[in-house]
Amino acid sequence: MTMKKIIILSAIVFALPFWKDGDGLRAQDFHLSQFDAAPHYFNPAITGIYFGKVADYRIYSDYRSQWRSLGVKPFSTFFIAYDMPYKEYGLGGYLIQNRNGPGGLNTINFMPSASYKITKEANSPHNLSVGAQMGILYKSFDPNNFTYDNQVAPEDPSGFNHNLLSGENFNKTSIVKFDANMGVFYKYKKPEWQAHPFFGYSVYHVTKPNQSLTGITKDRIPMRWVLQGGAEYKINEEINIRPTLLFMNQGRAHELNIGSIGFYHLKDTKYDVMGGLNYRVKDAFIIQAGMRYEQHIFRFSYDINTSSLNNYTHGKGAFEFSILLTGIKGKPMFNPPKFLNVIKNKPL
């Protein structure tokens, strides 16, 4: 690996993987291109709220890989969540893990989540809910994955000799902190309307946990403010579109993601094909494609870099894959093919 790449990767590892054009690297929570596939990570008030769709529980999963184009082990983010409605409440939780490639910095956030429906009238078009999350934030790193001044070796082709002692003493390589989030969400859903608008507002890291691994100084995580909006629009029986907007601010960093995703129903089937395009301002275009089977959704997306980081990635960005599974108690999550039913019911 060249010295140039070592310097770039070291900066990314210590500042967290978030690049903004014109402002360099800034620390911020991990972002997901398919933010609507990980609703708990962007608003706890959506926990277990299905807006009239028949379901007893849902399972969400998302995997993101990035920085592979720099020629090193990619940075990866894994998200998994579960929720269910219970009377006027929604119950669930999520776990998100981020591993920073060659640096070995590992972050896990486990957050049980709950929501409460403020509007309970069955025939009301108004859907207002609030939510909260309380859990833990875990961070750790492996000192052996880094290089130090004492390991500089000009005679070595890489410029470093990792067999030399680092000369550093790490008293702490992991931390566990309490974390909390809260949010509110509103959706207007009138059956005779073609468009159903929605709006959400949430705040993350309300406790501003100290993420310092040194134990000497304090490094509090700034609160992350999230605004989201959009609408579900039914053009006809076959086509539905969902324009969305997401704005996040954390410390001095901010993100604006705008775009739309559409669904086309395949006649006489239980399938919809889906596709979309988003733009994360001054960062990347996001191309999305997937399918929906009944209420299950499988989606893939790819980020095309447009920021100044493009000088190193040459447009190659992150890929992301998500799954949403919807279940009904007493019924299989996936109906078996018709020919299996015929075989099963065939008399011997």
Protein backbone atom coordinates (compact mmCIF):
# COMPACT_ATOMS: atom_id res chain seq x y z
CA MET A 1 0.00 0.00 0.00
CA THR A 2 1.33 3.44 -0.89
CA MET A 3 2.02 6.11 1.75
CA LYS A 4 -0.68 8.27 0.11
CA LYS A 5 -3.34 5.60 0.72
CA ILE A 6 -2.16 5.06 4.30
CA ILE A 7 -2.62 8.76 5.08
CA ILE A 8 -6.08 8.87 3.47
CA LEU A 9 -7.30 5.75 5.29
CA SER A 10 -5.95 6.91 8.64
CA ALA A 11 -7.92 10.14 8.32
CA ILE A 12 -11.09 8.23 7.42
CA VAL A 13 -10.75 5.80 10.32
CA PHE A 14 -10.35 8.49 12.98
CA ALA A 15 -12.97 10.89 11.57
CA LEU A 16 -15.60 8.23 10.73
CA PRO A 17 -16.72 7.54 7.18
CA PHE A 18 -18.59 10.69 6.23
CA TRP A 19 -17.34 13.04 3.51
CA LYS A 20 -18.80 16.38 2.50
CA ASP A 21 -17.58 18.37 -0.46
CA GLY A 22 -15.86 21.60 0.54
CA ASP A 23 -15.68 20.76 4.23
CA GLY A 24 -13.48 17.65 4.26
CA LEU A 25 -14.15 14.82 6.69
CA ARG A 26 -16.57 15.28 9.54
CA ALA A 27 -17.69 12.85 12.24
CA GLN A 28 -21.31 11.79 12.03
CA ASP A 29 -23.51 8.73 12.55
CA PHE A 30 -23.39 6.14 9.81
CA HIS A 31 -25.77 6.93 6.99
CA LEU A 32 -27.83 4.50 4.90
CA SER A 33 -28.90 5.21 1.34
CA GLN A 34 -32.10 3.19 1.80
CA PHE A 35 -33.21 5.13 4.86
CA ASP A 36 -36.85 4.04 4.47
CA ALA A 37 -35.71 0.40 4.83
CA ALA A 38 -34.39 1.17 8.34
CA PRO A 39 -37.21 3.32 9.79
CA HIS A 40 -36.24 2.86 13.46
CA TYR A 41 -32.81 4.35 12.76
CA PHE A 42 -34.42 7.56 11.53
CA ASN A 43 -37.57 7.88 13.66
CA PRO A 44 -38.63 5.77 16.68
CA ALA A 45 -42.24 7.00 16.30
CA ILE A 46 -42.71 4.58 13.34
CA THR A 47 -42.07 1.51 15.53
CA GLY A 48 -44.88 -1.00 14.91
CA ILE A 49 -46.99 1.55 12.99
CA TYR A 50 -48.23 0.05 9.69
CA PHE A 51 -50.88 2.61 8.64
CA GLY A 52 -53.66 0.15 7.95
CA LYS A 53 -51.58 -2.59 6.31
CA VAL A 54 -52.44 -6.05 7.60
CA ALA A 55 -49.46 -7.35 9.60
CA ASP A 56 -48.64 -8.70 13.04
CA TYR A 57 -44.87 -8.14 12.89
CA ARG A 58 -42.06 -7.04 10.61
CA ILE A 59 -38.37 -7.85 10.26
CA TYR A 60 -36.00 -5.32 8.69
CA SER A 61 -32.44 -5.91 7.52
CA ASP A 62 -29.92 -3.77 5.65
CA TYR A 63 -26.27 -4.27 4.69
CA ARG A 64 -24.00 -1.53 3.33
CA SER A 65 -20.42 -1.79 2.06
CA GLN A 66 -18.26 1.19 1.06
CA TRP A 67 -14.70 2.40 0.39
CA ARG A 68 -13.87 -0.85 -1.46
CA SER A 69 -12.62 1.24 -4.40
CA LEU A 70 -9.70 2.46 -2.22
CA GLY A 71 -8.24 -1.03 -2.54
CA VAL A 72 -8.61 -2.08 1.11
CA LYS A 73 -11.01 -4.02 3.30
CA PRO A 74 -14.33 -2.14 2.90
CA PHE A 75 -16.18 -0.32 5.66
CA SER A 76 -19.40 -2.22 6.43
CA THR A 77 -22.67 -1.36 8.16
CA PHE A 78 -25.24 -3.97 9.20
CA PHE A 79 -28.75 -3.13 10.44
CA ILE A 80 -31.43 -5.48 11.75
CA ALA A 81 -34.73 -4.60 13.45
CA TYR A 82 -38.02 -6.07 14.57
CA ASP A 83 -41.33 -4.48 15.52
CA MET A 84 -44.97 -5.29 16.15
CA PRO A 85 -48.18 -3.44 17.04
CA TYR A 86 -49.74 -3.94 20.48
CA LYS A 87 -53.06 -2.13 21.00
CA GLU A 88 -52.23 1.59 20.68
CA TYR A 89 -48.50 0.90 21.06
CA GLY A 90 -45.71 -0.26 18.81
CA LEU A 91 -42.89 -2.37 20.26
CA GLY A 92 -39.56 -3.40 18.81
CA GLY A 93 -35.93 -2.45 18.54
CA TYR A 94 -32.88 -2.34 16.31
CA LEU A 95 -29.21 -3.20 16.26
CA ILE A 96 -26.75 -1.46 13.97
CA GLN A 97 -23.08 -2.34 13.65
CA ASN A 98 -20.37 -0.49 11.76
CA ARG A 99 -16.85 -1.83 11.24
CA ASN A 100 -14.32 0.61 9.86
CA GLY A 101 -12.38 -1.63 7.49
CA PRO A 102 -8.61 -1.85 8.10
CA GLY A 103 -8.74 0.32 11.25
CA GLY A 104 -10.72 -2.21 13.26
CA LEU A 105 -12.90 0.45 14.90
CA ASN A 106 -16.17 -1.31 15.73
CA THR A 107 -19.40 0.42 16.81
CA ILE A 108 -22.61 -1.30 17.91
CA ASN A 109 -25.82 0.48 18.85
CA PHE A 110 -28.62 -1.65 20.40
CA MET A 111 -31.84 0.28 20.95
CA PRO A 112 -35.17 -1.17 22.20
CA SER A 113 -37.92 1.00 20.72
CA ALA A 114 -41.54 1.88 21.50
CA SER A 115 -44.18 4.16 19.99
CA TYR A 116 -47.60 5.41 21.04
CA LYS A 117 -50.54 6.30 18.78
CA ILE A 118 -51.99 9.65 19.76
CA THR A 119 -54.81 9.42 17.18
CA LYS A 120 -56.83 6.26 17.86
CA GLU A 121 -60.06 6.82 15.87
CA ALA A 122 -60.42 3.96 13.38
CA ASN A 123 -61.94 6.09 10.59
CA SER A 124 -59.76 9.18 11.07
CA PRO A 125 -57.41 10.07 8.21
CA HIS A 126 -54.95 11.50 10.76
CA ASN A 127 -52.16 9.28 12.03
CA LEU A 128 -49.99 10.87 14.72
CA SER A 129 -47.55 8.94 16.88
CA VAL A 130 -44.61 9.57 19.19
CA GLY A 131 -41.76 7.25 20.04
CA ALA A 132 -38.67 6.76 22.16
CA GLN A 133 -35.65 4.48 22.29
CA MET A 134 -33.29 3.66 25.16
CA GLY A 135 -30.32 1.34 24.85
CA ILE A 136 -26.56 1.07 24.71
CA LEU A 137 -23.72 2.30 22.54
CA TYR A 138 -20.64 0.05 22.36
CA LYS A 139 -17.33 1.04 20.77
CA SER A 140 -14.07 -0.85 20.52
CA PHE A 141 -10.87 -0.91 18.50
CA ASP A 142 -7.84 -3.16 18.01
CA PRO A 143 -4.53 -1.28 18.57
CA ASN A 144 -2.72 -3.89 16.46
CA ASN A 145 -4.51 -2.63 13.35
CA PHE A 146 -2.77 0.76 13.44
CA THR A 147 0.76 1.98 12.77
CA TYR A 148 2.83 4.21 15.08
CA ASP A 149 5.86 6.49 15.00
CA ASN A 150 8.06 3.82 16.56
CA GLN A 151 7.26 1.49 13.68
CA VAL A 152 8.54 3.79 10.94
CA ALA A 153 11.13 1.81 8.93
CA PRO A 154 12.50 3.60 5.84
CA GLU A 155 14.23 0.41 4.71
CA ASP A 156 10.91 -1.46 4.53
CA PRO A 157 9.03 -1.17 1.17
CA SER A 158 5.84 -0.16 3.00
CA GLY A 159 7.63 2.39 5.19
CA PHE A 160 6.60 0.58 8.39
CA ASN A 161 7.68 -2.49 10.36
CA HIS A 162 4.71 -3.82 12.33
CA ASN A 163 6.93 -6.20 14.30
CA LEU A 164 8.43 -3.25 16.18
CA LEU A 165 6.87 -2.28 19.53
CA SER A 166 4.45 0.63 19.23
CA GLY A 167 5.60 2.31 22.41
CA GLU A 168 1.94 3.09 23.22
CA ASN A 169 0.01 1.97 26.30
CA PHE A 170 -3.75 1.56 25.86
CA ASN A 171 -5.61 1.24 29.15
CA LYS A 172 -9.00 1.04 27.47
CA THR A 173 -9.95 -0.41 24.07
CA SER A 174 -13.76 -0.45 24.46
CA ILE A 175 -16.61 1.49 26.08
CA VAL A 176 -20.31 0.94 26.82
CA LYS A 177 -22.58 3.99 27.18
CA PHE A 178 -26.29 4.62 27.70
CA ASP A 179 -28.04 6.21 24.71
CA ALA A 180 -31.56 7.56 24.03
CA ASN A 181 -33.60 8.86 21.07
CA MET A 182 -37.08 10.30 20.56
CA GLY A 183 -39.34 11.31 17.68
CA VAL A 184 -42.77 12.23 16.34
CA PHE A 185 -44.41 11.15 13.06
CA TYR A 186 -47.58 12.20 11.21
CA LYS A 187 -49.27 10.77 8.14
CA TYR A 188 -52.51 11.87 6.47
CA LYS A 189 -54.25 8.90 4.86
CA LYS A 190 -57.68 9.54 3.39
CA PRO A 191 -58.93 6.61 1.23
CA GLU A 192 -60.39 8.79 -1.52
CA TRP A 193 -57.19 10.81 -1.88
CA GLN A 194 -54.53 9.74 -4.35
CA ALA A 195 -51.70 11.27 -2.29
CA HIS A 196 -50.98 10.46 1.35
CA PRO A 197 -48.39 12.93 2.74
CA PHE A 198 -46.24 12.23 5.80
CA PHE A 199 -43.79 14.14 7.97
CA GLY A 200 -41.42 13.12 10.77
CA TYR A 201 -39.06 14.78 13.24
CA SER A 202 -36.66 13.00 15.59
CA VAL A 203 -33.62 13.59 17.80
CA TYR A 204 -30.89 11.00 18.39
CA HIS A 205 -28.24 10.78 21.15
CA VAL A 206 -30.29 12.88 23.55
CA THR A 207 -27.92 11.87 26.35
CA LYS A 208 -24.85 12.95 24.31
CA PRO A 209 -22.78 9.95 25.50
CA ASN A 210 -19.04 10.37 25.95
CA GLN A 211 -17.38 8.24 23.24
CA SER A 212 -13.77 8.93 24.27
CA LEU A 213 -11.63 5.80 24.48
CA THR A 214 -8.79 7.53 26.32
CA GLY A 215 -10.60 8.20 29.59
CA ILE A 216 -8.66 11.47 29.82
CA THR A 217 -10.72 13.85 27.73
CA LYS A 218 -14.44 13.95 26.93
CA ASP A 219 -15.70 13.47 23.38
CA ARG A 220 -19.48 13.70 23.53
CA ILE A 221 -21.51 12.54 20.53
CA PRO A 222 -23.51 15.53 19.24
CA MET A 223 -27.25 15.08 18.90
CA ARG A 224 -28.48 14.08 15.45
CA TRP A 225 -31.58 15.97 14.27
CA VAL A 226 -33.64 14.26 11.57
CA LEU A 227 -36.39 15.75 9.40
CA GLN A 228 -38.20 13.57 6.89
CA GLY A 229 -41.13 14.10 4.59
CA GLY A 230 -42.80 12.78 1.48
CA ALA A 231 -45.97 11.24 0.13
CA GLU A 232 -47.34 7.99 -1.19
CA TYR A 233 -49.03 8.74 -4.52
CA LYS A 234 -51.25 6.29 -6.42
CA ILE A 235 -51.22 7.11 -10.14
CA ASN A 236 -53.42 4.15 -11.14
CA GLU A 237 -53.99 0.51 -10.20
CA GLU A 238 -50.56 -0.50 -11.50
CA ILE A 239 -48.28 2.42 -10.61
CA ASN A 240 -47.45 3.98 -7.24
CA ILE A 241 -44.66 6.45 -6.51
CA ARG A 242 -43.18 7.70 -3.25
CA PRO A 243 -41.18 10.94 -3.35
CA THR A 244 -39.12 11.44 -0.18
CA LEU A 245 -36.88 13.98 1.51
CA LEU A 246 -34.49 13.41 4.41
CA PHE A 247 -32.45 16.07 6.18
CA MET A 248 -30.03 15.32 9.02
CA ASN A 249 -27.81 17.60 11.06
CA GLN A 250 -25.23 16.53 13.63
CA GLY A 251 -22.66 18.93 14.98
CA ARG A 252 -21.29 20.83 11.98
CA ALA A 253 -22.22 18.05 9.54
CA HIS A 254 -25.44 17.85 7.59
CA GLU A 255 -27.00 15.68 4.92
CA LEU A 256 -29.84 16.25 2.45
CA ASN A 257 -31.24 13.29 0.54
CA ILE A 258 -34.03 13.81 -2.00
CA GLY A 259 -35.53 11.41 -4.51
CA SER A 260 -38.35 9.08 -5.42
CA ILE A 261 -39.08 5.39 -5.73
CA GLY A 262 -41.81 3.80 -7.85
CA PHE A 263 -43.70 0.49 -7.85
CA TYR A 264 -45.24 -1.19 -10.92
CA HIS A 265 -47.65 -4.07 -10.31
CA LEU A 266 -47.34 -7.05 -12.63
CA LYS A 267 -50.82 -8.03 -13.77
CA ASP A 268 -52.30 -11.26 -12.38
CA THR A 269 -49.36 -11.77 -10.00
CA LYS A 270 -48.38 -10.91 -6.43
CA TYR A 271 -45.26 -9.09 -7.63
CA ASP A 272 -44.32 -5.45 -8.05
CA VAL A 273 -41.10 -4.28 -9.65
CA MET A 274 -39.55 -1.20 -8.13
CA GLY A 275 -36.95 1.36 -9.06
CA GLY A 276 -35.83 4.77 -7.92
CA LEU A 277 -33.28 7.53 -7.97
CA ASN A 278 -32.06 9.69 -5.08
CA TYR A 279 -29.50 12.44 -4.75
CA ARG A 280 -27.53 12.96 -1.56
CA VAL A 281 -26.55 16.59 -2.10
CA LYS A 282 -22.83 17.15 -2.79
CA ASP A 283 -22.15 13.47 -2.16
CA ALA A 284 -23.74 10.87 -4.46
CA PHE A 285 -26.49 9.76 -6.82
CA ILE A 286 -28.25 6.63 -5.55
CA ILE A 287 -29.74 4.15 -8.03
CA GLN A 288 -32.28 1.68 -6.58
CA ALA A 289 -33.93 -1.45 -7.96
CA GLY A 290 -35.87 -4.33 -6.45
CA MET A 291 -39.13 -6.20 -6.17
CA ARG A 292 -42.07 -6.53 -3.82
CA TYR A 293 -43.78 -9.87 -3.25
CA GLU A 294 -47.06 -9.31 -1.39
CA GLN A 295 -45.75 -7.13 1.47
CA HIS A 296 -42.14 -8.40 1.38
CA ILE A 297 -39.57 -6.07 -0.22
CA PHE A 298 -36.11 -6.91 -1.56
CA ARG A 299 -34.02 -3.98 -2.77
CA PHE A 300 -30.51 -3.18 -4.02
CA SER A 301 -28.92 0.25 -4.39
CA TYR A 302 -25.61 1.68 -5.58
CA ASP A 303 -24.04 5.06 -4.79
CA ILE A 304 -22.23 6.95 -7.55
CA ASN A 305 -19.89 9.47 -5.92
CA THR A 306 -20.11 13.12 -6.97
CA SER A 307 -18.12 14.70 -4.11
CA SER A 308 -14.42 15.58 -4.09
CA LEU A 309 -13.80 12.03 -2.83
CA ASN A 310 -14.44 11.04 -6.44
CA ASN A 311 -10.76 11.92 -7.11
CA TYR A 312 -9.88 8.70 -5.28
CA THR A 313 -12.93 6.48 -5.96
CA HIS A 314 -13.47 7.48 -9.63
CA GLY A 315 -17.23 7.41 -9.15
CA LYS A 316 -17.30 4.01 -7.47
CA GLY A 317 -19.34 4.26 -4.31
CA ALA A 318 -21.19 2.02 -1.88
CA PHE A 319 -23.63 -0.80 -2.49
CA GLU A 320 -26.50 -1.63 -0.19
CA PHE A 321 -29.01 -4.48 0.07
CA SER A 322 -32.15 -4.50 2.21
CA ILE A 323 -34.95 -6.92 3.07
CA LEU A 324 -38.34 -6.20 4.63
CA LEU A 325 -40.35 -9.24 5.74
CA THR A 326 -43.95 -8.93 6.91
CA GLY A 327 -45.62 -11.65 8.97
CA ILE A 328 -49.13 -12.59 10.09
CA LYS A 329 -49.57 -14.87 13.10
CA GLY A 330 -50.73 -18.37 12.19
CA LYS A 331 -49.76 -18.02 8.53
CA PRO A 332 -46.49 -18.88 6.78
CA MET A 333 -44.40 -15.87 5.85
CA PHE A 334 -44.13 -17.18 2.28
CA ASN A 335 -46.92 -19.11 0.58
CA PRO A 336 -45.62 -22.34 -1.01
CA PRO A 337 -45.82 -22.67 -4.83
CA LYS A 338 -49.13 -23.99 -6.17
CA PHE A 339 -47.63 -27.27 -7.40
CA LEU A 340 -46.52 -28.11 -3.82
CA ASN A 341 -50.11 -27.62 -2.59
CA VAL A 342 -51.34 -29.97 -5.31
CA ILE A 343 -48.82 -32.63 -4.25
CA LYS A 344 -49.64 -32.14 -0.56
CA ASN A 345 -53.40 -32.50 -1.09
CA LYS A 346 -53.15 -35.37 -3.57
CA PRO A 347 -54.66 -38.58 -2.08
CA LEU A 348 -52.38 -41.62 -1.87
